[in-house]
Each structure stands twice: as C-alpha cells, then as structure tokens.
Amino acid sequence: MAASNDDAQVNIDDLIERLLQARKVPATDNFVQMSLEEMNFLCEKSEEIFLNQPVLLDLQAPITICGIR
C-alpha cells in the first residue's frame, strides 16, 4: 500500500508511544498533546482498520438494540 501525504506527515510510532505513556500517569495528569492532523489521521486509520474487520457492521446512530428483558 502506498503512503499518502498525510501518512508521511504523521509519525504513527511517536503518536502511539505518546498515547501509551498517558496510561502510566495519574488520571488527572494523563493529557496527550495531539495536532488536528494527528487526530484526523488516527480517526481515519482507526475507521479503516475497524471497517475492514469481517465481524463489524457500519451502522448509523442512533440504533435500537432489542434484548431479553
């Protein structure tokens, strides 16, 4: 798969490392600075990965899930 311009501008390894580091500090201090470009990249790539999974459906919210009461 060829890398797009957005892929080349976002260091995914650094982004993941920063997100994982947030787990190691108290909840009140676990902020991660991300640029808008990084957030968009992460959302787009996550959607791409999840939608390629065979057991997932692309549903529009809100949905009603019926179950046994």
N, C-alpha and C. Protein backbone atom coordinates (compact mmCIF):
# COMPACT_ATOMS: atom_id res chain seq x y z
N MET A 1 0.85 -1.17 0.00
CA MET A 1 0.00 0.00 0.00
C MET A 1 0.89 1.24 0.00
N ALA A 2 0.63 2.16 -0.88
CA ALA A 2 1.43 3.38 -0.96
C ALA A 2 1.00 4.35 0.14
N ALA A 3 1.97 5.06 0.68
CA ALA A 3 1.67 6.02 1.74
C ALA A 3 1.14 7.30 1.13
N SER A 4 0.10 7.86 1.75
CA SER A 4 -0.42 9.14 1.29
C SER A 4 0.40 10.25 1.90
N ASN A 5 0.14 11.49 1.48
CA ASN A 5 0.85 12.64 2.04
C ASN A 5 0.60 12.76 3.53
N ASP A 6 -0.65 12.49 3.97
CA ASP A 6 -0.97 12.56 5.40
C ASP A 6 -0.18 11.52 6.18
N ASP A 7 -0.05 10.31 5.62
CA ASP A 7 0.71 9.26 6.29
C ASP A 7 2.15 9.68 6.51
N ALA A 8 2.73 10.33 5.51
CA ALA A 8 4.12 10.73 5.58
C ALA A 8 4.34 11.82 6.62
N GLN A 9 3.32 12.64 6.88
CA GLN A 9 3.47 13.77 7.79
C GLN A 9 3.20 13.38 9.25
N VAL A 10 2.59 12.23 9.49
CA VAL A 10 2.28 11.80 10.86
C VAL A 10 3.20 10.65 11.23
N ASN A 11 3.93 10.81 12.33
CA ASN A 11 4.79 9.75 12.83
C ASN A 11 3.93 8.87 13.74
N ILE A 12 3.39 7.80 13.17
CA ILE A 12 2.44 6.96 13.90
C ILE A 12 3.09 6.29 15.11
N ASP A 13 4.35 5.93 15.01
CA ASP A 13 5.04 5.31 16.15
C ASP A 13 5.13 6.27 17.33
N ASP A 14 5.47 7.52 17.05
CA ASP A 14 5.56 8.54 18.09
C ASP A 14 4.17 8.80 18.69
N LEU A 15 3.16 8.87 17.85
CA LEU A 15 1.80 9.12 18.32
C LEU A 15 1.33 8.00 19.25
N ILE A 16 1.55 6.77 18.86
CA ILE A 16 1.15 5.63 19.70
C ILE A 16 1.92 5.63 21.01
N GLU A 17 3.21 5.92 20.95
CA GLU A 17 4.03 5.96 22.17
C GLU A 17 3.51 7.02 23.14
N ARG A 18 3.17 8.20 22.62
CA ARG A 18 2.65 9.26 23.49
C ARG A 18 1.31 8.85 24.12
N LEU A 19 0.47 8.18 23.35
CA LEU A 19 -0.82 7.74 23.89
C LEU A 19 -0.63 6.66 24.96
N LEU A 20 0.30 5.75 24.73
CA LEU A 20 0.57 4.69 25.71
C LEU A 20 1.19 5.25 26.99
N GLN A 21 2.00 6.30 26.87
CA GLN A 21 2.63 6.91 28.04
C GLN A 21 1.58 7.50 28.98
N ALA A 22 0.46 7.93 28.43
CA ALA A 22 -0.60 8.53 29.25
C ALA A 22 -1.17 7.53 30.25
N ARG A 23 -1.05 6.25 29.97
CA ARG A 23 -1.55 5.23 30.91
C ARG A 23 -0.69 5.12 32.15
N LYS A 24 0.53 5.64 32.11
CA LYS A 24 1.47 5.47 33.21
C LYS A 24 1.43 6.60 34.23
N VAL A 25 0.56 7.57 34.04
CA VAL A 25 0.47 8.70 34.97
C VAL A 25 -0.93 8.75 35.58
N PRO A 26 -1.10 9.45 36.71
CA PRO A 26 -2.43 9.55 37.31
C PRO A 26 -3.46 10.10 36.32
N ALA A 27 -4.69 9.69 36.48
CA ALA A 27 -5.75 10.06 35.55
C ALA A 27 -5.89 11.57 35.38
N THR A 28 -5.62 12.32 36.42
CA THR A 28 -5.76 13.78 36.33
C THR A 28 -4.65 14.43 35.51
N ASP A 29 -3.56 13.70 35.26
CA ASP A 29 -2.42 14.25 34.54
C ASP A 29 -2.20 13.60 33.17
N ASN A 30 -3.11 12.76 32.72
CA ASN A 30 -2.83 11.99 31.51
C ASN A 30 -3.36 12.65 30.23
N PHE A 31 -2.94 13.88 29.99
CA PHE A 31 -3.28 14.57 28.76
C PHE A 31 -2.20 14.30 27.71
N VAL A 32 -2.63 14.13 26.47
CA VAL A 32 -1.70 13.92 25.38
C VAL A 32 -1.91 15.05 24.38
N GLN A 33 -0.85 15.78 24.08
CA GLN A 33 -0.93 16.85 23.09
C GLN A 33 -0.89 16.23 21.70
N MET A 34 -1.94 16.48 20.92
CA MET A 34 -2.01 15.99 19.55
C MET A 34 -2.46 17.12 18.65
N SER A 35 -1.88 17.17 17.47
CA SER A 35 -2.32 18.17 16.50
C SER A 35 -3.61 17.70 15.85
N LEU A 36 -4.30 18.62 15.22
CA LEU A 36 -5.52 18.28 14.50
C LEU A 36 -5.23 17.26 13.41
N GLU A 37 -4.08 17.42 12.75
CA GLU A 37 -3.67 16.47 11.71
C GLU A 37 -3.52 15.06 12.30
N GLU A 38 -2.91 14.96 13.47
CA GLU A 38 -2.72 13.66 14.12
C GLU A 38 -4.05 13.05 14.52
N MET A 39 -4.96 13.86 15.05
CA MET A 39 -6.28 13.34 15.45
C MET A 39 -7.05 12.84 14.24
N ASN A 40 -7.04 13.61 13.16
CA ASN A 40 -7.74 13.20 11.95
C ASN A 40 -7.14 11.91 11.39
N PHE A 41 -5.82 11.84 11.37
CA PHE A 41 -5.13 10.66 10.89
C PHE A 41 -5.53 9.43 11.71
N LEU A 42 -5.50 9.58 13.03
CA LEU A 42 -5.84 8.48 13.93
C LEU A 42 -7.28 8.02 13.72
N CYS A 43 -8.20 8.96 13.59
CA CYS A 43 -9.61 8.61 13.37
C CYS A 43 -9.81 7.90 12.03
N GLU A 44 -9.20 8.44 10.98
CA GLU A 44 -9.35 7.84 9.66
C GLU A 44 -8.76 6.44 9.60
N LYS A 45 -7.56 6.27 10.16
CA LYS A 45 -6.92 4.95 10.13
C LYS A 45 -7.67 3.95 11.00
N SER A 46 -8.18 4.41 12.14
CA SER A 46 -8.96 3.52 13.01
C SER A 46 -10.22 3.05 12.30
N GLU A 47 -10.92 3.98 11.66
CA GLU A 47 -12.12 3.62 10.92
C GLU A 47 -11.79 2.62 9.82
N GLU A 48 -10.72 2.88 9.09
CA GLU A 48 -10.31 1.99 8.01
C GLU A 48 -10.04 0.57 8.55
N ILE A 49 -9.33 0.48 9.65
CA ILE A 49 -8.99 -0.82 10.22
C ILE A 49 -10.24 -1.53 10.73
N PHE A 50 -11.07 -0.82 11.50
CA PHE A 50 -12.27 -1.45 12.06
C PHE A 50 -13.25 -1.88 10.98
N LEU A 51 -13.44 -1.07 9.96
CA LEU A 51 -14.39 -1.43 8.90
C LEU A 51 -13.90 -2.58 8.04
N ASN A 52 -12.61 -2.86 8.06
CA ASN A 52 -12.08 -4.00 7.32
C ASN A 52 -12.18 -5.30 8.10
N GLN A 53 -12.65 -5.23 9.34
CA GLN A 53 -12.83 -6.44 10.13
C GLN A 53 -14.13 -7.11 9.71
N PRO A 54 -14.13 -8.42 9.51
CA PRO A 54 -15.31 -9.10 8.96
C PRO A 54 -16.52 -9.13 9.88
N VAL A 55 -16.35 -8.94 11.17
CA VAL A 55 -17.50 -9.05 12.07
C VAL A 55 -18.13 -7.71 12.41
N LEU A 56 -17.65 -6.63 11.86
CA LEU A 56 -18.19 -5.31 12.17
C LEU A 56 -19.15 -4.84 11.09
N LEU A 57 -20.16 -4.12 11.51
CA LEU A 57 -21.12 -3.51 10.60
C LEU A 57 -21.02 -2.01 10.71
N ASP A 58 -21.18 -1.31 9.61
CA ASP A 58 -21.20 0.14 9.61
C ASP A 58 -22.65 0.57 9.80
N LEU A 59 -23.01 0.98 11.03
CA LEU A 59 -24.37 1.36 11.36
C LEU A 59 -24.44 2.84 11.65
N GLN A 60 -25.58 3.42 11.35
CA GLN A 60 -25.80 4.83 11.64
C GLN A 60 -26.50 4.96 12.99
N ALA A 61 -25.98 5.83 13.86
CA ALA A 61 -26.57 6.06 15.17
C ALA A 61 -27.74 7.01 15.02
N PRO A 62 -28.73 7.00 15.87
CA PRO A 62 -28.89 6.04 16.97
C PRO A 62 -29.49 4.74 16.46
N ILE A 63 -29.19 3.67 17.15
CA ILE A 63 -29.77 2.37 16.81
C ILE A 63 -30.45 1.82 18.05
N THR A 64 -31.43 0.97 17.82
CA THR A 64 -32.12 0.33 18.93
C THR A 64 -31.71 -1.14 18.94
N ILE A 65 -31.23 -1.59 20.08
CA ILE A 65 -30.85 -2.99 20.22
C ILE A 65 -31.88 -3.64 21.14
N CYS A 66 -32.58 -4.61 20.60
CA CYS A 66 -33.61 -5.30 21.39
C CYS A 66 -32.99 -6.50 22.08
N GLY A 67 -33.41 -6.72 23.31
CA GLY A 67 -32.89 -7.86 24.05
C GLY A 67 -33.94 -8.42 24.97
N ILE A 68 -33.55 -9.44 25.69
CA ILE A 68 -34.46 -10.08 26.64
C ILE A 68 -34.57 -9.18 27.86
N ARG A 69 -35.78 -8.94 28.31
CA ARG A 69 -35.99 -8.08 29.47
C ARG A 69 -36.24 -8.90 30.69
